[in-house]
Amino acid sequence: MKKKPSISRGRDPLMRKGTSPTDSSTVDSVAFQTLISEGKTEQALKLSEEILEKSRKLTNRNFVGEAWIRMERALLGAINLEDVGNELRWCVDRLASVSPGSPLHGLSLLNLAAWHRNSNEEMMALVTLSEISSDSGHPVDLIGLSRLESGRILVEIGDIEPAMRHLWMAMRRLSSVEMPAEAVVCAMEWLDLALDDIDPDSPTMDERIVNAKPRESPGMTLSPSNPSDIRESVEIILSNGLRDVSGVRRDDLGLVLDASDALGEPLWRESIEERQREIQDSRLIEVLQS
């Protein structure tokens, strides 16, 4: 029952999180984020103009606050669509200058990469995402999210071997910072690729990552998966997926059943069968009863 993860691989909208500069936790900033969360875009934009004006006062210029609010305004549609890319790049460059490695700097890079991806500029998106790294001081969660997006882009262009490495690194990073839902997404997308080719003699993902080297020439590459890595990814999926097996589309559990059959691991199937009465996905029920 080979099933694709429920996470879309299409053209995702630009990422935007309710993140304000850490040194500008003002009443206006909180109010702005509250308006956004409540869907009051028009009011949020009006308030953003006031915040932007304050950040530009020469007596107390707030460069980080200015970059933050300009990024938010670009993502909220306050500027012409054709200017969004340039505005997001300005925000990245400003934050790289005044607050390198900060969460806001990392977020600005994620947003710029998403813009490139939505503009069918996959290579530029990958280059932008690569700027988010531990060497630059970025937080682990943003590094994990950047590797997840890189993996998805590589899958789209058919370069599977590096895609699997990026998805695996994303899974590890997000697991380490207690982002279980995101880690499960990474595990699902990795497993969806891994089940196509399994070889017990193949290197593990950790070995591949350690031994990875720049390629002399571009190319679309494939690589078989090691059963031990499949087991690790399945355990991550089950640790979250068995807490609640309801839902009419449970691709996570479908992938676990595929892995159970591929590796001859009956315990995974049995753990799902034990919850069969709670399952609502008709496809799973059909497979379990076959």
Protein backbone atom coordinates (compact mmCIF):
# COMPACT_ATOMS: atom_id res chain seq x y z
CA MET A 1 0.00 0.00 0.00
CA LYS A 2 2.53 2.57 -1.17
CA LYS A 3 1.10 5.93 -0.23
CA LYS A 4 2.41 9.44 -0.62
CA PRO A 5 2.68 11.60 2.49
CA SER A 6 -0.20 13.97 3.04
CA ILE A 7 2.18 16.93 3.04
CA SER A 8 1.89 18.85 -0.22
CA ARG A 9 4.90 18.96 -2.49
CA GLY A 10 3.35 21.62 -4.67
CA ARG A 11 4.01 25.31 -4.68
CA ASP A 12 3.77 26.17 -1.00
CA PRO A 13 2.87 29.76 -0.10
CA LEU A 14 5.57 31.97 1.35
CA MET A 15 6.38 31.02 4.92
CA ARG A 16 5.51 33.52 7.59
CA LYS A 17 5.68 33.01 11.33
CA GLY A 18 4.61 35.33 14.11
CA THR A 19 8.21 36.16 14.99
CA SER A 20 9.26 39.63 16.02
CA PRO A 21 12.75 40.96 16.83
CA THR A 22 13.86 39.71 20.24
CA ASP A 23 14.96 43.21 21.21
CA SER A 24 11.66 44.81 20.18
CA SER A 25 8.99 43.01 22.20
CA THR A 26 6.84 46.10 22.34
CA VAL A 27 3.12 46.45 22.75
CA ASP A 28 2.84 47.29 19.05
CA SER A 29 4.70 44.14 18.04
CA VAL A 30 2.44 41.94 20.13
CA ALA A 31 -0.65 43.72 18.82
CA PHE A 32 0.56 43.28 15.24
CA GLN A 33 1.08 39.54 15.68
CA THR A 34 -2.30 39.20 17.38
CA LEU A 35 -4.06 40.90 14.47
CA ILE A 36 -2.34 38.56 12.02
CA SER A 37 -3.28 35.47 14.02
CA GLU A 38 -6.89 36.66 14.07
CA GLY A 39 -6.93 37.18 10.31
CA LYS A 40 -7.33 40.95 10.58
CA THR A 41 -4.92 41.71 7.75
CA GLU A 42 -6.13 45.22 6.95
CA GLN A 43 -5.76 46.35 10.55
CA ALA A 44 -2.39 44.62 10.81
CA LEU A 45 -1.11 46.45 7.75
CA LYS A 46 -2.25 49.78 9.15
CA LEU A 47 -0.45 49.11 12.41
CA SER A 48 2.64 47.92 10.52
CA GLU A 49 2.96 51.34 8.90
CA GLU A 50 3.16 52.90 12.34
CA ILE A 51 5.74 50.35 13.54
CA LEU A 52 7.81 50.89 10.40
CA GLU A 53 7.75 54.66 10.85
CA LYS A 54 8.92 54.35 14.46
CA SER A 55 11.74 51.97 13.50
CA ARG A 56 13.12 54.54 11.05
CA LYS A 57 13.45 57.42 13.49
CA LEU A 58 17.00 58.70 13.24
CA THR A 59 17.27 59.31 16.96
CA ASN A 60 16.75 55.62 17.72
CA ARG A 61 16.96 53.71 14.42
CA ASN A 62 15.87 50.07 14.81
CA PHE A 63 17.40 48.22 11.86
CA VAL A 64 16.21 44.79 13.01
CA GLY A 65 12.68 46.02 13.61
CA GLU A 66 12.60 47.70 10.21
CA ALA A 67 13.73 44.51 8.44
CA TRP A 68 11.19 42.43 10.38
CA ILE A 69 8.21 44.64 9.59
CA ARG A 70 9.20 45.07 5.92
CA MET A 71 9.39 41.28 5.60
CA GLU A 72 5.97 40.89 7.20
CA ARG A 73 4.46 43.54 4.93
CA ALA A 74 5.90 41.87 1.84
CA LEU A 75 4.34 38.56 2.85
CA LEU A 76 1.01 40.19 3.65
CA GLY A 77 0.74 41.71 0.17
CA ALA A 78 1.41 45.31 1.11
CA ILE A 79 3.71 45.83 -1.88
CA ASN A 80 3.48 45.05 -5.58
CA LEU A 81 3.92 41.36 -6.37
CA GLU A 82 6.82 42.03 -8.72
CA ASP A 83 8.69 43.77 -5.89
CA VAL A 84 8.34 41.00 -3.30
CA GLY A 85 11.56 39.19 -4.25
CA ASN A 86 13.67 42.33 -4.04
CA GLU A 87 12.09 43.28 -0.73
CA LEU A 88 12.75 39.87 0.81
CA ARG A 89 16.34 39.99 -0.42
CA TRP A 90 16.75 43.44 1.18
CA CYS A 91 15.52 42.02 4.47
CA VAL A 92 17.95 39.09 4.25
CA ASP A 93 20.88 41.40 3.52
CA ARG A 94 19.98 43.83 6.29
CA LEU A 95 19.58 41.07 8.89
CA ALA A 96 22.81 39.41 7.73
CA SER A 97 24.49 42.70 8.52
CA VAL A 98 22.90 43.63 11.85
CA SER A 99 21.72 40.28 13.26
CA PRO A 100 23.48 37.36 11.53
CA GLY A 101 22.55 33.89 12.70
CA SER A 102 19.49 35.12 14.58
CA PRO A 103 16.12 33.36 14.36
CA LEU A 104 14.79 36.31 12.38
CA HIS A 105 17.70 36.11 9.94
CA GLY A 106 17.03 32.40 9.44
CA LEU A 107 13.34 33.05 8.94
CA SER A 108 14.09 35.71 6.33
CA LEU A 109 16.18 33.17 4.41
CA LEU A 110 13.36 30.62 4.57
CA ASN A 111 10.95 33.19 3.19
CA LEU A 112 13.29 34.22 0.38
CA ALA A 113 13.89 30.56 -0.52
CA ALA A 114 10.14 29.96 -0.62
CA TRP A 115 9.76 32.93 -2.98
CA HIS A 116 12.44 31.49 -5.30
CA ARG A 117 10.75 28.09 -5.22
CA ASN A 118 7.36 29.57 -6.01
CA SER A 119 9.01 31.41 -8.92
CA ASN A 120 10.35 28.09 -10.31
CA GLU A 121 13.89 29.05 -9.35
CA GLU A 122 14.76 25.79 -7.58
CA MET A 123 18.55 26.23 -7.71
CA MET A 124 18.36 29.69 -6.19
CA ALA A 125 16.07 28.33 -3.49
CA LEU A 126 18.61 25.60 -2.66
CA VAL A 127 21.46 28.11 -2.51
CA THR A 128 19.45 30.36 -0.19
CA LEU A 129 18.50 27.47 2.10
CA SER A 130 22.15 26.40 2.33
CA GLU A 131 22.92 29.73 4.03
CA ILE A 132 21.00 28.50 7.09
CA SER A 133 23.58 26.52 9.05
CA SER A 134 25.06 25.81 12.45
CA ASP A 135 28.30 27.46 11.34
CA SER A 136 26.36 30.68 10.92
CA GLY A 137 24.77 30.28 14.35
CA HIS A 138 21.21 29.65 13.24
CA PRO A 139 18.85 27.80 15.63
CA VAL A 140 18.49 24.04 15.23
CA ASP A 141 14.76 24.23 14.42
CA LEU A 142 15.33 26.57 11.47
CA ILE A 143 18.20 24.43 10.20
CA GLY A 144 15.87 21.44 10.34
CA LEU A 145 13.14 23.25 8.43
CA SER A 146 15.63 24.42 5.82
CA ARG A 147 16.85 20.85 5.25
CA LEU A 148 13.26 19.66 4.92
CA GLU A 149 12.59 22.26 2.22
CA SER A 150 15.87 21.41 0.47
CA GLY A 151 14.91 17.74 0.46
CA ARG A 152 11.54 18.51 -1.07
CA ILE A 153 13.08 20.61 -3.83
CA LEU A 154 15.59 17.87 -4.65
CA VAL A 155 12.74 15.35 -4.84
CA GLU A 156 10.91 17.64 -7.27
CA ILE A 157 13.88 17.77 -9.62
CA GLY A 158 14.53 14.02 -9.26
CA ASP A 159 17.84 14.10 -7.39
CA ILE A 160 16.92 11.45 -4.85
CA GLU A 161 20.20 10.59 -3.09
CA PRO A 162 20.89 14.10 -1.74
CA ALA A 163 17.17 14.54 -1.11
CA MET A 164 17.23 11.56 1.24
CA ARG A 165 20.25 12.99 3.08
CA HIS A 166 18.55 16.33 3.58
CA LEU A 167 15.31 14.75 4.77
CA TRP A 168 17.23 12.55 7.19
CA MET A 169 19.16 15.50 8.61
CA ALA A 170 15.89 17.42 8.95
CA MET A 171 14.31 14.50 10.83
CA ARG A 172 17.23 14.32 13.24
CA ARG A 173 17.36 18.07 13.84
CA LEU A 174 13.65 18.48 14.42
CA SER A 175 13.52 15.45 16.69
CA SER A 176 16.27 16.94 18.84
CA VAL A 177 14.32 20.15 19.50
CA GLU A 178 11.06 18.43 20.34
CA MET A 179 9.19 19.18 17.13
CA PRO A 180 7.61 15.72 16.79
CA ALA A 181 4.99 16.58 14.18
CA GLU A 182 7.60 18.08 11.87
CA ALA A 183 9.99 15.19 12.52
CA VAL A 184 7.25 12.74 11.53
CA VAL A 185 6.72 14.63 8.27
CA CYS A 186 10.44 14.26 7.52
CA ALA A 187 10.34 10.55 8.38
CA MET A 188 7.33 10.02 6.13
CA GLU A 189 8.83 11.79 3.16
CA TRP A 190 12.12 9.96 3.61
CA LEU A 191 10.41 6.57 3.99
CA ASP A 192 8.32 7.19 0.89
CA LEU A 193 11.58 7.35 -1.07
CA ALA A 194 13.43 4.66 0.85
CA LEU A 195 10.88 1.91 0.21
CA ASP A 196 11.56 2.06 -3.53
CA ASP A 197 14.95 0.38 -3.13
CA ILE A 198 16.17 -1.52 -0.04
CA ASP A 199 19.57 -3.14 0.31
CA PRO A 200 20.92 -4.46 3.64
CA ASP A 201 24.48 -3.95 2.35
CA SER A 202 23.99 -0.27 1.57
CA PRO A 203 25.53 2.41 3.83
CA THR A 204 23.34 3.88 6.54
CA MET A 205 22.18 7.46 6.24
CA ASP A 206 24.59 8.55 8.95
CA GLU A 207 27.46 7.03 6.96
CA ARG A 208 26.30 8.72 3.79
CA ILE A 209 26.07 12.09 5.49
CA VAL A 210 29.54 11.79 7.04
CA ASN A 211 31.09 10.69 3.74
CA ALA A 212 29.17 13.08 1.49
CA LYS A 213 31.40 15.07 -0.88
CA PRO A 214 30.69 17.77 -3.45
CA ARG A 215 29.95 16.23 -6.83
CA GLU A 216 32.23 16.97 -9.74
CA SER A 217 29.26 17.36 -12.05
CA PRO A 218 25.50 17.68 -11.56
CA GLY A 219 23.30 14.67 -12.02
CA MET A 220 20.21 12.83 -10.88
CA THR A 221 21.24 10.14 -8.40
CA LEU A 222 19.53 7.25 -6.65
CA SER A 223 20.69 5.24 -3.65
CA PRO A 224 19.26 2.17 -1.89
CA SER A 225 18.22 2.42 1.74
CA ASN A 226 19.49 0.40 4.68
CA PRO A 227 16.84 -1.55 6.65
CA SER A 228 18.13 -0.12 9.95
CA ASP A 229 17.27 3.38 8.80
CA ILE A 230 13.81 2.25 7.74
CA ARG A 231 13.29 0.85 11.23
CA GLU A 232 14.30 4.18 12.80
CA SER A 233 11.97 6.19 10.60
CA VAL A 234 9.07 3.80 11.25
CA GLU A 235 9.56 4.07 15.02
CA ILE A 236 9.40 7.87 14.76
CA ILE A 237 6.18 7.67 12.76
CA LEU A 238 4.56 5.16 15.10
CA SER A 239 5.56 7.09 18.24
CA ASN A 240 3.31 9.88 17.05
CA GLY A 241 0.84 8.10 14.75
CA LEU A 242 -0.47 5.55 17.24
CA ARG A 243 -1.49 8.19 19.76
CA ASP A 244 -4.57 8.83 17.64
CA VAL A 245 -5.36 6.66 14.62
CA SER A 246 -8.49 8.55 13.56
CA GLY A 247 -8.66 10.59 10.36
CA VAL A 248 -9.92 9.70 6.91
CA ARG A 249 -6.46 9.95 5.34
CA ARG A 250 -3.63 8.31 7.29
CA ASP A 251 -0.74 8.08 4.87
CA ASP A 252 1.67 7.76 7.78
CA LEU A 253 0.18 4.44 8.84
CA GLY A 254 -0.05 3.33 5.21
CA LEU A 255 3.70 3.83 4.84
CA VAL A 256 4.29 1.81 8.01
CA LEU A 257 2.28 -1.08 6.54
CA ASP A 258 4.39 -0.86 3.37
CA ALA A 259 7.54 -0.99 5.47
CA SER A 260 6.18 -3.91 7.48
CA ASP A 261 5.64 -5.92 4.32
CA ALA A 262 8.96 -4.88 2.76
CA LEU A 263 11.06 -5.84 5.77
CA GLY A 264 8.92 -8.68 7.08
CA GLU A 265 8.30 -6.91 10.40
CA PRO A 266 4.89 -8.22 11.58
CA LEU A 267 4.95 -6.27 14.85
CA TRP A 268 4.41 -2.97 13.02
CA ARG A 269 1.35 -4.31 11.26
CA GLU A 270 0.08 -5.87 14.48
CA SER A 271 0.38 -2.56 16.35
CA ILE A 272 -1.93 -0.99 13.78
CA GLU A 273 -4.27 -3.98 13.63
CA GLU A 274 -4.81 -3.67 17.38
CA ARG A 275 -6.36 -0.25 16.78
CA GLN A 276 -8.42 -1.28 13.75
CA ARG A 277 -11.75 -0.37 15.32
CA GLU A 278 -10.59 3.21 15.75
CA ILE A 279 -9.26 3.60 12.19
CA GLN A 280 -11.37 5.72 9.82
CA ASP A 281 -9.20 5.57 6.68
CA SER A 282 -11.06 3.12 4.41
CA ARG A 283 -7.89 2.32 2.50
CA LEU A 284 -6.14 1.15 5.65
CA ILE A 285 -9.13 -0.90 6.71
CA GLU A 286 -9.17 -2.60 3.32
CA VAL A 287 -5.48 -3.47 3.53
CA LEU A 288 -5.74 -4.73 7.10
CA GLN A 289 -8.66 -6.98 6.20
CA SER A 290 -7.09 -8.38 3.04
